[in-house]
Amino acid sequence: MKLILKLVVGIIAGIIIGLLVNEAIMEYIMTFQLIFGQFLEYIVPFIIIFFITSGVSSMGKDSGKLLGLTGGIAYGSTVVAGIMAFIIATLILPIFIDESAPMIQDENGLSALFELEIEPALPIITALITSFIFGIGIAKTNAQTLKSIFDEGKTIIEKLLWVVVIPVLPFYIASIFAELSAEGTVWETLASFGLVLLLALATHWIYLIGAFSIAGGLTGRNPFSLIKTMLPAYFTGIGTVSSTATIPVTTEQTKKNNVNPAMADAIVPLGANIHLAGSTITITMASMTVMMMLGELASPTFGLIFPFILGLGVIMIAAPGVPGGAIIAASGLLTSMLGFGEAAVGLMIALYMAQDSLGTGCNVTGDGAIALTVNRFIRKSE
């Protein structure tokens, strides 16, 4: 929650700075924005390679039915959540945002003091394929030396995020809003932010009611009673802004919904790492909003957004357990699949971080529905 407050302060400070400073000072602000934005692009392939490889290799070669069923349902749940977000956004956003009259331009009159290009080590899709090759290969061959390399690499990148990226994010967001303020488009942007936050929260709960209705139908239980039992996990997720930190509470509440304790102990930690339906909902809605606001991006059609959702379901495995980790991991897909530039990615980070706690609450609560479903299918087959 402290980070969210810092981001709010950064937004306010950025607006004030953009209104008061002259173009010469804005050049320094734009230079910082350019360097940090490109640094984010540079580290994303490392997040994908180390986090996905480490996660997949830890699953083991003999994990059996439990892993396959949980992974399949989690991925399907994430994709369905993204499609639901697309449908709701398509119905609601055009009422408030006129795509034919974009609010802001990705390319603008402000410029940095100098050009600096930090190329990512690997293209995003290349990093993704590489991570699965090594992850599956390590799991199959039990290559412990390689596994330790990727595990330690994951630790290094996570440390980089906590020590460098997360503390600097409020300043980066401030630079984005200083630019918008200087251009005179900040108030329209903030209004769109508020709309997305309300839509995302409503869609989170539509998704949760749907997920627990399916789980309740399979188990013969009242879905609202199941959701009520999971509420401590929901509010803990909001408070911690971390699916990983919420695992003990999520596991305990899942067991109270009569999930086999051994299955709950296995399914919930796995879900915390691979099932981010709430984050997918917000990223999908926020990306569509930014595409409609910016004049340089394509229209958010289903043909464009659906492959992005499919990729997002996979890339969420690489989401580090830090605030905003999901959007940092997803930024590679935003640039490679949707054509986002640095200004668009910056807006996405600000939009996502503003609701990160709500998305986390949805993620961990949804894990309870998946645990109920997997528990039912495995018991039925025994």
Protein backbone atom coordinates (compact mmCIF):
# COMPACT_ATOMS: atom_id res chain seq x y z
CA MET A 1 0.00 0.00 0.00
CA LYS A 2 2.94 2.34 0.65
CA LEU A 3 3.96 1.99 -3.00
CA ILE A 4 0.47 2.93 -4.16
CA LEU A 5 0.62 6.09 -2.01
CA LYS A 6 4.01 6.93 -3.51
CA LEU A 7 2.59 6.47 -7.00
CA VAL A 8 -0.30 8.82 -6.17
CA VAL A 9 2.20 11.39 -4.90
CA GLY A 10 4.21 10.87 -8.09
CA ILE A 11 1.14 11.51 -10.26
CA ILE A 12 0.27 14.69 -8.34
CA ALA A 13 3.87 15.91 -8.38
CA GLY A 14 4.15 15.18 -12.09
CA ILE A 15 1.02 17.18 -12.88
CA ILE A 16 2.28 20.17 -10.89
CA ILE A 17 5.76 19.99 -12.42
CA GLY A 18 4.33 19.81 -15.93
CA LEU A 19 2.26 22.92 -15.31
CA LEU A 20 5.08 24.98 -13.80
CA VAL A 21 8.41 24.13 -15.44
CA ASN A 22 9.73 25.39 -18.75
CA GLU A 23 10.72 23.37 -21.80
CA ALA A 24 14.41 23.26 -20.82
CA ILE A 25 13.65 21.46 -17.56
CA MET A 26 11.19 19.17 -19.34
CA GLU A 27 14.07 18.03 -21.54
CA TYR A 28 15.83 16.65 -18.44
CA ILE A 29 12.61 14.96 -17.31
CA MET A 30 12.14 13.43 -20.75
CA THR A 31 15.74 12.19 -20.72
CA PHE A 32 15.17 10.38 -17.42
CA GLN A 33 11.93 8.93 -18.80
CA LEU A 34 13.73 7.71 -21.93
CA ILE A 35 16.59 6.03 -20.05
CA PHE A 36 14.44 4.32 -17.42
CA GLY A 37 11.85 3.24 -20.00
CA GLN A 38 14.51 1.58 -22.11
CA PHE A 39 16.04 -0.01 -19.01
CA LEU A 40 12.66 -1.62 -18.30
CA GLU A 41 12.55 -2.97 -21.85
CA TYR A 42 16.07 -4.33 -21.39
CA ILE A 43 15.33 -6.36 -18.25
CA VAL A 44 12.02 -7.90 -19.40
CA PRO A 45 13.66 -10.78 -21.36
CA PHE A 46 15.69 -11.65 -18.24
CA ILE A 47 12.48 -11.71 -16.17
CA ILE A 48 10.91 -14.09 -18.68
CA ILE A 49 13.92 -16.40 -19.01
CA PHE A 50 14.81 -16.72 -15.33
CA PHE A 51 11.31 -16.74 -13.81
CA ILE A 52 9.63 -19.06 -16.31
CA THR A 53 12.60 -21.43 -16.54
CA SER A 54 12.89 -21.60 -12.75
CA GLY A 55 9.15 -22.15 -12.35
CA VAL A 56 8.78 -24.81 -15.05
CA SER A 57 11.92 -26.69 -13.99
CA SER A 58 10.62 -26.85 -10.41
CA MET A 59 7.49 -28.70 -11.48
CA GLY A 60 9.40 -31.95 -11.97
CA LYS A 61 9.05 -34.65 -14.59
CA ASP A 62 6.69 -36.84 -12.59
CA SER A 63 4.26 -34.24 -11.28
CA GLY A 64 1.38 -36.14 -12.86
CA LYS A 65 -2.30 -35.41 -13.12
CA LEU A 66 -2.45 -32.72 -10.42
CA LEU A 67 0.02 -30.42 -12.18
CA GLY A 68 -1.45 -30.94 -15.64
CA LEU A 69 -5.04 -30.39 -14.52
CA THR A 70 -4.21 -27.37 -12.38
CA GLY A 71 -2.08 -25.78 -15.10
CA GLY A 72 -4.71 -26.37 -17.79
CA ILE A 73 -7.57 -24.97 -15.72
CA ALA A 74 -5.47 -22.00 -14.57
CA TYR A 75 -4.53 -21.12 -18.15
CA GLY A 76 -8.10 -21.54 -19.37
CA SER A 77 -9.35 -19.38 -16.50
CA THR A 78 -6.87 -16.64 -17.35
CA VAL A 79 -7.82 -16.66 -21.05
CA VAL A 80 -11.55 -16.59 -20.26
CA ALA A 81 -10.96 -13.69 -17.86
CA GLY A 82 -9.14 -11.79 -20.61
CA ILE A 83 -11.92 -12.44 -23.14
CA MET A 84 -14.50 -11.29 -20.60
CA ALA A 85 -12.50 -8.10 -20.06
CA PHE A 86 -12.35 -7.53 -23.83
CA ILE A 87 -16.13 -7.91 -24.22
CA ILE A 88 -16.95 -5.57 -21.33
CA ALA A 89 -14.37 -3.00 -22.45
CA THR A 90 -15.68 -3.13 -26.02
CA LEU A 91 -19.20 -2.44 -24.81
CA ILE A 92 -18.37 0.32 -22.30
CA LEU A 93 -15.20 2.18 -23.32
CA PRO A 94 -16.47 3.63 -26.65
CA ILE A 95 -19.25 5.37 -24.72
CA PHE A 96 -16.66 7.48 -22.90
CA ILE A 97 -13.62 7.48 -25.22
CA ASP A 98 -13.85 8.70 -28.81
CA GLU A 99 -11.27 6.68 -30.69
CA SER A 100 -11.54 8.94 -33.73
CA ALA A 101 -10.31 11.88 -31.63
CA PRO A 102 -7.33 10.55 -29.64
CA MET A 103 -6.55 12.38 -26.40
CA ILE A 104 -2.79 12.14 -26.62
CA GLN A 105 -0.12 11.26 -29.13
CA ASP A 106 2.64 8.73 -28.51
CA GLU A 107 4.94 11.03 -30.45
CA ASN A 108 4.91 14.64 -29.19
CA GLY A 109 6.78 17.90 -29.36
CA LEU A 110 8.79 17.32 -26.19
CA SER A 111 12.25 15.82 -26.59
CA ALA A 112 15.09 14.44 -24.49
CA LEU A 113 18.55 16.00 -24.27
CA PHE A 114 20.01 13.08 -26.22
CA GLU A 115 19.01 9.78 -27.77
CA LEU A 116 20.02 6.58 -25.99
CA GLU A 117 19.02 3.14 -27.21
CA ILE A 118 19.37 0.18 -24.85
CA GLU A 119 18.51 -2.89 -26.89
CA PRO A 120 16.86 -5.84 -25.08
CA ALA A 121 19.13 -8.87 -24.87
CA LEU A 122 16.55 -11.03 -26.69
CA PRO A 123 13.22 -10.51 -28.47
CA ILE A 124 10.30 -11.37 -26.20
CA ILE A 125 9.05 -14.42 -28.12
CA THR A 126 12.62 -15.75 -28.37
CA ALA A 127 13.03 -15.38 -24.60
CA LEU A 128 9.70 -17.13 -24.02
CA ILE A 129 10.54 -20.13 -26.21
CA THR A 130 14.04 -20.35 -24.73
CA SER A 131 12.65 -20.40 -21.19
CA PHE A 132 10.30 -23.29 -21.95
CA ILE A 133 13.01 -25.29 -23.72
CA PHE A 134 15.36 -25.00 -20.74
CA GLY A 135 12.61 -25.32 -18.12
CA ILE A 136 11.19 -28.53 -19.56
CA GLY A 137 14.67 -29.84 -20.36
CA ILE A 138 15.89 -29.30 -16.81
CA ALA A 139 12.77 -30.96 -15.38
CA LYS A 140 13.18 -33.99 -17.68
CA THR A 141 16.93 -34.45 -17.18
CA ASN A 142 17.13 -33.32 -13.55
CA ALA A 143 20.02 -31.00 -14.49
CA GLN A 144 20.61 -29.55 -11.05
CA THR A 145 23.57 -27.37 -12.07
CA LEU A 146 21.54 -25.59 -14.72
CA LYS A 147 18.56 -25.38 -12.37
CA SER A 148 20.66 -23.66 -9.72
CA ILE A 149 21.90 -21.16 -12.34
CA PHE A 150 18.36 -20.17 -13.32
CA ASP A 151 17.18 -20.15 -9.70
CA GLU A 152 20.03 -17.85 -8.72
CA GLY A 153 19.40 -15.69 -11.80
CA LYS A 154 15.78 -15.36 -10.69
CA THR A 155 16.97 -14.23 -7.26
CA ILE A 156 19.25 -11.61 -8.82
CA ILE A 157 16.50 -10.20 -11.07
CA GLU A 158 14.03 -10.16 -8.17
CA LYS A 159 16.58 -8.25 -6.10
CA LEU A 160 17.05 -5.80 -8.98
CA LEU A 161 13.31 -5.21 -9.09
CA TRP A 162 13.03 -4.59 -5.34
CA VAL A 163 16.15 -2.43 -5.00
CA VAL A 164 16.14 -0.46 -8.28
CA VAL A 165 12.93 -0.72 -10.32
CA ILE A 166 10.22 -0.52 -7.64
CA PRO A 167 11.77 2.48 -5.79
CA VAL A 168 12.23 4.41 -9.07
CA LEU A 169 8.75 3.65 -10.47
CA PRO A 170 7.06 6.63 -8.71
CA PHE A 171 9.57 8.99 -10.34
CA TYR A 172 9.01 7.36 -13.72
CA ILE A 173 5.24 7.73 -13.34
CA ALA A 174 5.78 11.36 -12.29
CA SER A 175 7.75 11.99 -15.50
CA ILE A 176 4.90 10.50 -17.58
CA PHE A 177 2.35 12.78 -15.95
CA ALA A 178 4.63 15.80 -16.16
CA GLU A 179 4.71 15.21 -19.92
CA LEU A 180 0.92 14.84 -20.10
CA SER A 181 0.45 17.95 -17.97
CA ALA A 182 2.81 19.97 -20.14
CA GLU A 183 0.84 18.88 -23.21
CA GLY A 184 -2.52 19.72 -21.60
CA THR A 185 -4.00 16.21 -21.80
CA VAL A 186 -3.62 15.06 -18.20
CA TRP A 187 -7.21 15.59 -17.04
CA GLU A 188 -8.71 13.51 -19.84
CA THR A 189 -6.17 10.80 -19.03
CA LEU A 190 -7.08 10.78 -15.33
CA ALA A 191 -10.79 10.53 -16.18
CA SER A 192 -10.04 7.48 -18.33
CA PHE A 193 -7.98 6.01 -15.46
CA GLY A 194 -10.98 6.26 -13.13
CA LEU A 195 -13.21 4.55 -15.69
CA VAL A 196 -10.77 1.65 -16.15
CA LEU A 197 -10.41 1.14 -12.39
CA LEU A 198 -14.18 0.90 -11.92
CA LEU A 199 -14.58 -1.40 -14.91
CA ALA A 200 -11.71 -3.64 -13.77
CA LEU A 201 -13.10 -3.95 -10.22
CA ALA A 202 -16.58 -4.81 -11.55
CA THR A 203 -15.12 -7.36 -13.98
CA HIS A 204 -13.02 -8.94 -11.20
CA TRP A 205 -16.20 -9.71 -9.29
CA ILE A 206 -18.12 -10.89 -12.35
CA TYR A 207 -15.25 -13.29 -12.98
CA LEU A 208 -15.14 -14.49 -9.35
CA ILE A 209 -18.89 -15.09 -9.21
CA GLY A 210 -18.66 -17.03 -12.48
CA ALA A 211 -15.65 -19.09 -11.33
CA PHE A 212 -17.24 -20.03 -8.01
CA SER A 213 -20.59 -20.73 -9.70
CA ILE A 214 -18.80 -23.34 -11.84
CA ALA A 215 -16.95 -24.72 -8.81
CA GLY A 216 -20.16 -24.71 -6.78
CA GLY A 217 -22.05 -26.49 -9.55
CA LEU A 218 -19.39 -29.20 -9.69
CA THR A 219 -19.33 -29.68 -5.92
CA GLY A 220 -22.98 -29.07 -5.13
CA ARG A 221 -22.14 -26.06 -2.95
CA ASN A 222 -23.53 -22.52 -2.74
CA PRO A 223 -21.07 -20.31 -4.72
CA PHE A 224 -21.70 -17.28 -2.52
CA SER A 225 -20.95 -19.32 0.59
CA LEU A 226 -17.69 -20.45 -1.03
CA ILE A 227 -16.78 -16.84 -1.87
CA LYS A 228 -17.60 -15.73 1.68
CA THR A 229 -15.14 -18.30 3.03
CA MET A 230 -12.44 -16.96 0.68
CA LEU A 231 -12.92 -13.28 1.66
CA PRO A 232 -10.04 -13.31 4.21
CA ALA A 233 -7.72 -14.30 1.35
CA TYR A 234 -9.18 -11.55 -0.85
CA PHE A 235 -8.56 -8.81 1.70
CA THR A 236 -5.13 -10.20 2.62
CA GLY A 237 -4.21 -10.06 -1.07
CA ILE A 238 -5.33 -6.44 -1.20
CA GLY A 239 -3.20 -5.65 1.85
CA THR A 240 -0.04 -7.51 0.84
CA VAL A 241 -0.26 -6.83 -2.94
CA SER A 242 1.41 -10.23 -3.35
CA SER A 243 -0.12 -13.58 -4.28
CA THR A 244 2.93 -15.31 -2.81
CA ALA A 245 2.67 -13.56 0.55
CA THR A 246 -1.03 -14.47 0.73
CA ILE A 247 -0.45 -18.22 0.18
CA PRO A 248 -0.85 -19.23 3.87
CA VAL A 249 -4.22 -17.47 4.19
CA THR A 250 -5.44 -18.68 0.77
CA THR A 251 -4.48 -22.26 1.65
CA GLU A 252 -6.23 -22.14 5.01
CA GLN A 253 -9.47 -20.70 3.57
CA THR A 254 -9.38 -23.21 0.69
CA LYS A 255 -9.23 -26.06 3.20
CA LYS A 256 -12.27 -24.57 4.96
CA ASN A 257 -14.12 -25.01 1.66
CA ASN A 258 -13.57 -28.77 2.11
CA VAL A 259 -10.69 -29.12 -0.34
CA ASN A 260 -8.42 -32.05 0.55
CA PRO A 261 -5.63 -30.51 2.71
CA ALA A 262 -2.85 -32.19 0.73
CA MET A 263 -4.33 -30.90 -2.54
CA ALA A 264 -4.79 -27.40 -1.13
CA ASP A 265 -1.14 -27.40 -0.02
CA ALA A 266 -0.06 -28.26 -3.58
CA ILE A 267 -2.60 -26.34 -5.70
CA VAL A 268 -2.62 -22.94 -3.97
CA PRO A 269 1.16 -22.24 -4.21
CA LEU A 270 1.09 -23.35 -7.86
CA GLY A 271 -1.90 -21.11 -8.57
CA ALA A 272 -0.17 -18.17 -6.92
CA ASN A 273 2.53 -18.42 -9.58
CA ILE A 274 0.60 -19.32 -12.73
CA HIS A 275 -2.96 -18.04 -12.24
CA LEU A 276 -3.31 -14.25 -12.49
CA ALA A 277 -6.81 -13.81 -13.86
CA GLY A 278 -7.36 -10.50 -12.05
CA SER A 279 -4.13 -9.10 -13.43
CA THR A 280 -5.07 -10.28 -16.94
CA ILE A 281 -8.44 -8.53 -16.71
CA THR A 282 -6.83 -5.23 -15.79
CA ILE A 283 -4.00 -5.46 -18.31
CA THR A 284 -6.46 -6.27 -21.11
CA MET A 285 -8.77 -3.39 -20.23
CA ALA A 286 -5.95 -0.93 -19.63
CA SER A 287 -4.23 -1.81 -22.92
CA MET A 288 -7.46 -1.28 -24.84
CA THR A 289 -7.96 2.07 -23.11
CA VAL A 290 -4.44 3.24 -23.96
CA MET A 291 -4.86 2.10 -27.57
CA MET A 292 -8.01 4.19 -27.87
CA MET A 293 -6.42 7.21 -26.16
CA LEU A 294 -3.26 7.26 -28.28
CA GLY A 295 -3.42 8.27 -31.91
CA GLU A 296 -0.45 6.16 -33.00
CA LEU A 297 -1.79 2.72 -32.04
CA ALA A 298 -4.07 0.29 -33.85
CA SER A 299 -7.72 -0.13 -32.94
CA PRO A 300 -8.25 -2.80 -30.24
CA THR A 301 -10.05 -5.42 -32.32
CA PHE A 302 -10.62 -9.01 -31.17
CA GLY A 303 -8.24 -10.27 -33.85
CA LEU A 304 -5.48 -8.16 -32.30
CA ILE A 305 -6.34 -8.57 -28.60
CA PHE A 306 -7.09 -12.33 -28.55
CA PRO A 307 -3.53 -13.44 -29.44
CA PHE A 308 -2.30 -10.92 -26.86
CA ILE A 309 -4.54 -12.56 -24.22
CA LEU A 310 -3.21 -16.02 -25.17
CA GLY A 311 0.35 -14.74 -24.77
CA LEU A 312 -0.55 -12.98 -21.55
CA GLY A 313 -1.76 -16.25 -20.02
CA VAL A 314 1.73 -17.69 -20.58
CA ILE A 315 3.73 -14.59 -19.69
CA MET A 316 1.98 -14.34 -16.31
CA ILE A 317 4.09 -17.32 -15.23
CA ALA A 318 7.03 -14.92 -15.37
CA ALA A 319 5.33 -12.29 -13.20
CA PRO A 320 7.70 -11.67 -10.28
CA GLY A 321 6.22 -11.65 -6.79
CA VAL A 322 6.72 -7.90 -6.40
CA PRO A 323 4.16 -5.09 -6.69
CA GLY A 324 3.58 -4.40 -10.37
CA GLY A 325 5.51 -7.52 -11.40
CA ALA A 326 2.75 -8.63 -13.78
CA ILE A 327 2.75 -5.43 -15.84
CA ILE A 328 6.56 -5.32 -15.96
CA ALA A 329 6.62 -8.88 -17.30
CA ALA A 330 3.80 -8.11 -19.74
CA SER A 331 5.43 -4.95 -21.11
CA GLY A 332 7.35 -7.05 -23.61
CA LEU A 333 4.08 -8.30 -25.15
CA LEU A 334 2.70 -4.77 -25.19
CA THR A 335 5.61 -3.61 -27.35
CA SER A 336 5.98 -6.71 -29.53
CA MET A 337 2.30 -7.57 -30.13
CA LEU A 338 0.41 -4.28 -29.69
CA GLY A 339 3.08 -1.85 -30.87
CA PHE A 340 3.27 0.17 -27.63
CA GLY A 341 5.97 2.80 -27.35
CA GLU A 342 7.57 4.07 -24.14
CA ALA A 343 4.83 6.61 -23.41
CA ALA A 344 2.13 3.95 -23.85
CA VAL A 345 3.99 1.47 -21.62
CA GLY A 346 4.43 4.18 -18.99
CA LEU A 347 0.69 4.83 -18.99
CA MET A 348 0.03 1.10 -18.68
CA ILE A 349 2.31 0.84 -15.67
CA ALA A 350 0.55 3.77 -13.99
CA LEU A 351 -2.89 2.35 -14.78
CA TYR A 352 -1.99 -1.13 -13.56
CA MET A 353 -0.19 -0.06 -10.41
CA ALA A 354 -3.18 2.05 -9.34
CA GLN A 355 -5.25 -1.14 -8.94
CA ASP A 356 -2.55 -3.74 -8.30
CA SER A 357 -3.91 -4.60 -4.84
CA LEU A 358 -7.42 -5.23 -6.24
CA GLY A 359 -6.00 -7.47 -8.97
CA THR A 360 -4.04 -9.45 -6.38
CA GLY A 361 -7.19 -9.95 -4.32
CA CYS A 362 -8.95 -11.35 -7.39
CA ASN A 363 -5.99 -13.59 -8.26
CA VAL A 364 -5.76 -15.30 -4.86
CA THR A 365 -9.53 -15.68 -4.47
CA GLY A 366 -9.73 -17.30 -7.90
CA ASP A 367 -7.10 -19.82 -6.77
CA GLY A 368 -9.70 -21.11 -4.32
CA ALA A 369 -12.14 -21.83 -7.16
CA ILE A 370 -9.45 -23.68 -9.11
CA ALA A 371 -8.57 -25.77 -6.05
CA LEU A 372 -12.24 -26.75 -5.63
CA THR A 373 -12.49 -27.73 -9.30
CA VAL A 374 -9.27 -29.76 -9.39
CA ASN A 375 -10.16 -31.45 -6.10
CA ARG A 376 -13.54 -32.49 -7.56
CA PHE A 377 -12.12 -33.89 -10.80
CA ILE A 378 -9.31 -35.85 -9.12
CA ARG A 379 -11.64 -37.34 -6.49
CA LYS A 380 -14.09 -38.33 -9.23
CA SER A 381 -11.39 -40.14 -11.21
CA GLU A 382 -10.08 -42.07 -8.21
